Structure formats: C-alpha cells, structure tokens
PDB file of N, CA and C in Angstrom:
ATOM      1  N   UNK A   1     -13.111   3.475 -20.118  1.00  0.00           N
ATOM      2  CA  UNK A   1     -12.824   2.473 -19.124  1.00  0.00           C
ATOM      3  C   UNK A   1     -14.092   2.105 -18.357  1.00  0.00           C
ATOM      4  N   UNK A   2     -14.907   3.088 -18.032  1.00  0.00           N
ATOM      5  CA  UNK A   2     -16.147   2.813 -17.300  1.00  0.00           C
ATOM      6  C   UNK A   2     -17.072   1.948 -18.136  1.00  0.00           C
ATOM      7  N   UNK A   3     -17.190   2.272 -19.415  1.00  0.00           N
ATOM      8  CA  UNK A   3     -18.062   1.510 -20.296  1.00  0.00           C
ATOM      9  C   UNK A   3     -17.574   0.073 -20.427  1.00  0.00           C
ATOM     10  N   UNK A   4     -16.272  -0.111 -20.577  1.00  0.00           N
ATOM     11  CA  UNK A   4     -15.714  -1.467 -20.681  1.00  0.00           C
ATOM     12  C   UNK A   4     -16.015  -2.256 -19.414  1.00  0.00           C
ATOM     13  N   UNK A   5     -15.872  -1.629 -18.271  1.00  0.00           N
ATOM     14  CA  UNK A   5     -16.147  -2.305 -16.998  1.00  0.00           C
ATOM     15  C   UNK A   5     -17.619  -2.659 -16.879  1.00  0.00           C
ATOM     16  N   UNK A   6     -18.492  -1.730 -17.238  1.00  0.00           N
ATOM     17  CA  UNK A   6     -19.933  -1.976 -17.161  1.00  0.00           C
ATOM     18  C   UNK A   6     -20.367  -3.104 -18.092  1.00  0.00           C
ATOM     19  N   UNK A   7     -19.711  -3.214 -19.256  1.00  0.00           N
ATOM     20  CA  UNK A   7     -20.064  -4.253 -20.228  1.00  0.00           C
ATOM     21  C   UNK A   7     -19.332  -5.568 -19.967  1.00  0.00           C
ATOM     22  N   UNK A   8     -18.454  -5.577 -18.971  1.00  0.00           N
ATOM     23  CA  UNK A   8     -17.722  -6.804 -18.659  1.00  0.00           C
ATOM     24  C   UNK A   8     -16.612  -7.108 -19.637  1.00  0.00           C
ATOM     25  N   UNK A   9     -16.119  -6.094 -20.322  1.00  0.00           N
ATOM     26  CA  UNK A   9     -15.033  -6.278 -21.283  1.00  0.00           C
ATOM     27  C   UNK A   9     -13.713  -6.049 -20.560  1.00  0.00           C
ATOM     28  N   UNK A  10     -12.838  -7.062 -20.537  1.00  0.00           N
ATOM     29  CA  UNK A  10     -11.560  -6.871 -19.847  1.00  0.00           C
ATOM     30  C   UNK A  10     -10.675  -5.858 -20.587  1.00  0.00           C
ATOM     31  N   UNK A  11     -10.088  -4.967 -19.832  1.00  0.00           N
ATOM     32  CA  UNK A  11      -9.187  -3.962 -20.398  1.00  0.00           C
ATOM     33  C   UNK A  11      -7.964  -3.832 -19.494  1.00  0.00           C
ATOM     34  N   UNK A  12      -7.227  -4.939 -19.271  1.00  0.00           N
ATOM     35  CA  UNK A  12      -6.130  -4.891 -18.305  1.00  0.00           C
ATOM     36  C   UNK A  12      -4.999  -3.938 -18.686  1.00  0.00           C
ATOM     37  N   UNK A  13      -4.675  -3.861 -19.953  1.00  0.00           N
ATOM     38  CA  UNK A  13      -3.595  -2.961 -20.381  1.00  0.00           C
ATOM     39  C   UNK A  13      -3.945  -1.509 -20.122  1.00  0.00           C
ATOM     40  N   UNK A  14      -5.154  -1.132 -20.456  1.00  0.00           N
ATOM     41  CA  UNK A  14      -5.586   0.243 -20.258  1.00  0.00           C
ATOM     42  C   UNK A  14      -5.705   0.558 -18.767  1.00  0.00           C
ATOM     43  N   UNK A  15      -6.251  -0.378 -18.001  1.00  0.00           N
ATOM     44  CA  UNK A  15      -6.410  -0.161 -16.563  1.00  0.00           C
ATOM     45  C   UNK A  15      -5.055  -0.004 -15.884  1.00  0.00           C
ATOM     46  N   UNK A  16      -4.094  -0.815 -16.278  1.00  0.00           N
ATOM     47  CA  UNK A  16      -2.757  -0.724 -15.702  1.00  0.00           C
ATOM     48  C   UNK A  16      -2.098   0.602 -16.061  1.00  0.00           C
ATOM     49  N   UNK A  17      -2.230   1.018 -17.297  1.00  0.00           N
ATOM     50  CA  UNK A  17      -1.647   2.289 -17.731  1.00  0.00           C
ATOM     51  C   UNK A  17      -2.289   3.462 -16.989  1.00  0.00           C
ATOM     52  N   UNK A  18      -3.590   3.392 -16.796  1.00  0.00           N
ATOM     53  CA  UNK A  18      -4.291   4.455 -16.082  1.00  0.00           C
ATOM     54  C   UNK A  18      -3.851   4.504 -14.618  1.00  0.00           C
ATOM     55  N   UNK A  19      -3.711   3.349 -13.983  1.00  0.00           N
ATOM     56  CA  UNK A  19      -3.265   3.305 -12.588  1.00  0.00           C
ATOM     57  C   UNK A  19      -1.832   3.825 -12.465  1.00  0.00           C
ATOM     58  N   UNK A  20      -0.984   3.505 -13.430  1.00  0.00           N
ATOM     59  CA  UNK A  20       0.396   3.988 -13.415  1.00  0.00           C
ATOM     60  C   UNK A  20       0.418   5.515 -13.517  1.00  0.00           C
ATOM     61  N   UNK A  21      -0.372   6.057 -14.420  1.00  0.00           N
ATOM     62  CA  UNK A  21      -0.443   7.512 -14.585  1.00  0.00           C
ATOM     63  C   UNK A  21      -0.969   8.181 -13.312  1.00  0.00           C
ATOM     64  N   UNK A  22      -1.989   7.589 -12.692  1.00  0.00           N
ATOM     65  CA  UNK A  22      -2.522   8.139 -11.445  1.00  0.00           C
ATOM     66  C   UNK A  22      -1.443   8.157 -10.367  1.00  0.00           C
ATOM     67  N   UNK A  23      -0.606   7.127 -10.325  1.00  0.00           N
ATOM     68  CA  UNK A  23       0.485   7.075  -9.367  1.00  0.00           C
ATOM     69  C   UNK A  23       1.523   8.151  -9.606  1.00  0.00           C
ATOM     70  N   UNK A  24       1.786   8.470 -10.848  1.00  0.00           N
ATOM     71  CA  UNK A  24       2.768   9.501 -11.170  1.00  0.00           C
ATOM     72  C   UNK A  24       2.302  10.895 -10.771  1.00  0.00           C
ATOM     73  N   UNK A  25       1.039  11.150 -10.924  1.00  0.00           N
ATOM     74  CA  UNK A  25       0.540  12.504 -10.664  1.00  0.00           C
ATOM     75  C   UNK A  25       0.088  12.730  -9.229  1.00  0.00           C
ATOM     76  N   UNK A  26       0.056  11.674  -8.421  1.00  0.00           N
ATOM     77  CA  UNK A  26      -0.358  11.817  -7.025  1.00  0.00           C
ATOM     78  C   UNK A  26       0.807  12.321  -6.181  1.00  0.00           C
ATOM     79  N   UNK A  27       0.515  13.252  -5.284  1.00  0.00           N
ATOM     80  CA  UNK A  27       1.546  13.774  -4.396  1.00  0.00           C
ATOM     81  C   UNK A  27       1.952  12.737  -3.361  1.00  0.00           C
ATOM     82  N   UNK A  28       0.970  12.010  -2.852  1.00  0.00           N
ATOM     83  CA  UNK A  28       1.241  10.982  -1.854  1.00  0.00           C
ATOM     84  C   UNK A  28       0.251   9.845  -2.054  1.00  0.00           C
ATOM     85  N   UNK A  29       0.736   8.608  -2.057  1.00  0.00           N
ATOM     86  CA  UNK A  29      -0.122   7.446  -2.257  1.00  0.00           C
ATOM     87  C   UNK A  29      -0.327   6.704  -0.942  1.00  0.00           C
ATOM     88  N   UNK A  30      -1.468   6.027  -0.777  1.00  0.00           N
ATOM     89  CA  UNK A  30      -1.686   5.242   0.437  1.00  0.00           C
ATOM     90  C   UNK A  30      -0.879   3.950   0.381  1.00  0.00           C
ATOM     91  N   UNK A  31       0.111   3.848   1.214  1.00  0.00           N
ATOM     92  CA  UNK A  31       0.973   2.669   1.208  1.00  0.00           C
ATOM     93  C   UNK A  31       0.978   1.975   2.559  1.00  0.00           C
ATOM     94  N   UNK A  32      -0.039   2.220   3.367  1.00  0.00           N
ATOM     95  CA  UNK A  32      -0.060   1.656   4.712  1.00  0.00           C
ATOM     96  C   UNK A  32      -0.031   0.132   4.690  1.00  0.00           C
ATOM     97  N   UNK A  33      -0.807  -0.498   3.815  1.00  0.00           N
ATOM     98  CA  UNK A  33      -0.832  -1.956   3.759  1.00  0.00           C
ATOM     99  C   UNK A  33       0.514  -2.510   3.330  1.00  0.00           C
ATOM    100  N   UNK A  34       1.113  -1.898   2.322  1.00  0.00           N
ATOM    101  CA  UNK A  34       2.427  -2.347   1.858  1.00  0.00           C
ATOM    102  C   UNK A  34       3.464  -2.209   2.955  1.00  0.00           C
ATOM    103  N   UNK A  35       3.466  -1.087   3.656  1.00  0.00           N
ATOM    104  CA  UNK A  35       4.423  -0.883   4.735  1.00  0.00           C
ATOM    105  C   UNK A  35       4.197  -1.880   5.867  1.00  0.00           C
ATOM    106  N   UNK A  36       2.953  -2.158   6.202  1.00  0.00           N
ATOM    107  CA  UNK A  36       2.656  -3.119   7.265  1.00  0.00           C
ATOM    108  C   UNK A  36       3.136  -4.515   6.893  1.00  0.00           C
ATOM    109  N   UNK A  37       2.936  -4.910   5.647  1.00  0.00           N
ATOM    110  CA  UNK A  37       3.394  -6.233   5.212  1.00  0.00           C
ATOM    111  C   UNK A  37       4.911  -6.314   5.214  1.00  0.00           C
ATOM    112  N   UNK A  38       5.577  -5.272   4.746  1.00  0.00           N
ATOM    113  CA  UNK A  38       7.047  -5.264   4.779  1.00  0.00           C
ATOM    114  C   UNK A  38       7.551  -5.366   6.206  1.00  0.00           C
ATOM    115  N   UNK A  39       6.924  -4.639   7.125  1.00  0.00           N
ATOM    116  CA  UNK A  39       7.352  -4.652   8.512  1.00  0.00           C
ATOM    117  C   UNK A  39       7.099  -6.021   9.144  1.00  0.00           C
ATOM    118  N   UNK A  40       5.939  -6.620   8.857  1.00  0.00           N
ATOM    119  CA  UNK A  40       5.585  -7.897   9.459  1.00  0.00           C
ATOM    120  C   UNK A  40       6.464  -9.031   8.948  1.00  0.00           C
ATOM    121  N   UNK A  41       6.650  -9.125   7.642  1.00  0.00           N
ATOM    122  CA  UNK A  41       7.358 -10.265   7.061  1.00  0.00           C
ATOM    123  C   UNK A  41       8.869 -10.096   7.019  1.00  0.00           C
ATOM    124  N   UNK A  42       9.361  -8.877   7.009  1.00  0.00           N
ATOM    125  CA  UNK A  42      10.790  -8.703   6.849  1.00  0.00           C
ATOM    126  C   UNK A  42      11.473  -7.892   7.911  1.00  0.00           C
ATOM    127  N   UNK A  43      10.731  -7.498   8.941  1.00  0.00           N
ATOM    128  CA  UNK A  43      11.290  -6.696  10.026  1.00  0.00           C
ATOM    129  C   UNK A  43      11.908  -5.404   9.520  1.00  0.00           C
ATOM    130  N   UNK A  44      11.301  -4.824   8.495  1.00  0.00           N
ATOM    131  CA  UNK A  44      11.739  -3.530   7.982  1.00  0.00           C
ATOM    132  C   UNK A  44      11.179  -2.424   8.870  1.00  0.00           C
ATOM    133  N   UNK A  45      11.775  -1.296   8.800  1.00  0.00           N
ATOM    134  CA  UNK A  45      11.234  -0.138   9.498  1.00  0.00           C
ATOM    135  C   UNK A  45      10.406   0.691   8.530  1.00  0.00           C
ATOM    136  N   UNK A  46       9.670   1.629   9.065  1.00  0.00           N
ATOM    137  CA  UNK A  46       8.855   2.499   8.229  1.00  0.00           C
ATOM    138  C   UNK A  46       8.812   3.888   8.835  1.00  0.00           C
ATOM    139  N   UNK A  47       8.448   4.862   8.022  1.00  0.00           N
ATOM    140  CA  UNK A  47       8.292   6.241   8.476  1.00  0.00           C
ATOM    141  C   UNK A  47       6.814   6.592   8.423  1.00  0.00           C
ATOM    142  N   UNK A  48       6.436   7.535   9.240  1.00  0.00           N
ATOM    143  CA  UNK A  48       5.049   7.975   9.274  1.00  0.00           C
ATOM    144  C   UNK A  48       4.971   9.424   8.819  1.00  0.00           C
ATOM    145  N   UNK A  49       3.811   9.813   8.330  1.00  0.00           N
ATOM    146  CA  UNK A  49       3.634  11.196   7.888  1.00  0.00           C
ATOM    147  C   UNK A  49       3.182  12.099   9.030  1.00  0.00           C
ATOM    148  N   UNK A  50       2.689  11.504  10.110  1.00  0.00           N
ATOM    149  CA  UNK A  50       2.195  12.313  11.216  1.00  0.00           C
ATOM    150  C   UNK A  50       3.196  12.478  12.356  1.00  0.00           C
ATOM    151  N   UNK A  51       4.291  11.709  12.354  1.00  0.00           N
ATOM    152  CA  UNK A  51       5.308  11.811  13.398  1.00  0.00           C
ATOM    153  C   UNK A  51       6.683  11.627  12.786  1.00  0.00           C
ATOM    154  N   UNK A  52       7.670  12.320  13.374  1.00  0.00           N
ATOM    155  CA  UNK A  52       9.048  12.186  12.904  1.00  0.00           C
ATOM    156  C   UNK A  52       9.659  10.899  13.427  1.00  0.00           C
ATOM    157  N   UNK A  53      10.623  10.384  12.688  1.00  0.00           N
ATOM    158  CA  UNK A  53      11.361   9.212  13.143  1.00  0.00           C
ATOM    159  C   UNK A  53      11.099   7.977  12.307  1.00  0.00           C
ATOM    160  N   UNK A  54      11.780   6.914  12.685  1.00  0.00           N
ATOM    161  CA  UNK A  54      11.643   5.621  12.037  1.00  0.00           C
ATOM    162  C   UNK A  54      11.002   4.667  13.029  1.00  0.00           C
ATOM    163  N   UNK A  55      10.073   3.845  12.569  1.00  0.00           N
ATOM    164  CA  UNK A  55       9.294   2.985  13.449  1.00  0.00           C
ATOM    165  C   UNK A  55       9.419   1.529  13.030  1.00  0.00           C
ATOM    166  N   UNK A  56       9.234   0.645  13.999  1.00  0.00           N
ATOM    167  CA  UNK A  56       9.159  -0.795  13.751  1.00  0.00           C
ATOM    168  C   UNK A  56       8.140  -1.351  14.727  1.00  0.00           C
ATOM    169  N   UNK A  57       7.196  -2.119  14.245  1.00  0.00           N
ATOM    170  CA  UNK A  57       6.161  -2.692  15.085  1.00  0.00           C
ATOM    171  C   UNK A  57       6.577  -4.087  15.516  1.00  0.00           C
ATOM    172  N   UNK A  58       6.399  -4.389  16.792  1.00  0.00           N
ATOM    173  CA  UNK A  58       6.672  -5.728  17.304  1.00  0.00           C
ATOM    174  C   UNK A  58       5.407  -6.571  17.139  1.00  0.00           C
ATOM    175  N   UNK A  59       5.556  -7.796  16.624  1.00  0.00           N
ATOM    176  CA  UNK A  59       4.410  -8.666  16.371  1.00  0.00           C
ATOM    177  C   UNK A  59       4.472  -9.874  17.284  1.00  0.00           C
ATOM    178  N   UNK A  60       3.339 -10.257  17.858  1.00  0.00           N
ATOM    179  CA  UNK A  60       3.260 -11.426  18.725  1.00  0.00           C
ATOM    180  C   UNK A  60       3.083 -12.696  17.911  1.00  0.00           C
ATOM    181  N   UNK A  61       3.120 -13.844  18.596  1.00  0.00           N
ATOM    182  CA  UNK A  61       2.957 -15.129  17.931  1.00  0.00           C
ATOM    183  C   UNK A  61       1.605 -15.300  17.273  1.00  0.00           C
ATOM    184  N   UNK A  62       0.594 -14.600  17.787  1.00  0.00           N
ATOM    185  CA  UNK A  62      -0.738 -14.678  17.184  1.00  0.00           C
ATOM    186  C   UNK A  62      -0.956 -13.598  16.131  1.00  0.00           C
ATOM    187  N   UNK A  63       0.145 -12.972  15.718  1.00  0.00           N
ATOM    188  CA  UNK A  63       0.136 -11.934  14.675  1.00  0.00           C
ATOM    189  C   UNK A  63      -0.583 -10.663  15.097  1.00  0.00           C
ATOM    190  N   UNK A  64      -0.611 -10.406  16.383  1.00  0.00           N
ATOM    191  CA  UNK A  64      -1.167  -9.150  16.870  1.00  0.00           C
ATOM    192  C   UNK A  64      -0.027  -8.233  17.264  1.00  0.00           C
ATOM    193  N   UNK A  65      -0.321  -6.954  17.313  1.00  0.00           N
ATOM    194  CA  UNK A  65       0.679  -5.967  17.656  1.00  0.00           C
ATOM    195  C   UNK A  65       1.000  -6.044  19.156  1.00  0.00           C
ATOM    196  N   UNK A  66       2.300  -6.046  19.482  1.00  0.00           N
ATOM    197  CA  UNK A  66       2.745  -6.145  20.863  1.00  0.00           C
ATOM    198  C   UNK A  66       3.198  -4.760  21.321  1.00  0.00           C
ATOM    199  N   UNK A  67       2.694  -4.266  22.445  1.00  0.00           N
ATOM    200  CA  UNK A  67       3.139  -2.952  22.927  1.00  0.00           C
ATOM    201  C   UNK A  67       4.630  -2.962  23.225  1.00  0.00           C
ATOM    202  N   UNK A  68       5.304  -1.906  22.851  1.00  0.00           N
ATOM    203  CA  UNK A  68       6.761  -1.831  23.055  1.00  0.00           C
ATOM    204  C   UNK A  68       7.096  -1.428  24.464  1.00  0.00           C
TER     205      UNK A  68
END
C-alpha cells in the first residue's frame, strides 16, 4: 500500500479493505467529528468516555456552542 501511494497508483479497494480491518481490530475509534455532526444537524445526543451520562450540545445561530 505504501509503495502504491508513493508511486501515485490508486488502490481504493485495498485501502478500503485495510481501513475496514483496522476498524474491526480497534478497541475504540475516534468518532468525535461524527458525533458532533450528528448532534449539530439532527439534535441527537451523545455519550462521552470521560463522563457518565448522555449529552446534547446547544448550538447558536452562528453555529457556535451555547452554554447551557
């Protein structure tokens, strides 16, 4: 995969399969961006790994976080 990337040879099938395998073997994946987008666009709640409970962020009209 490294050689293909260095030579500019597209390998989308292999890259996707490798990323899928990495996801399966990881204990925890970084999903902060995905959770933030779900919360912003759909008013979903999310859980955190550092605190117990369910959270929802309030967003202002300028798309900044509003203190609760």
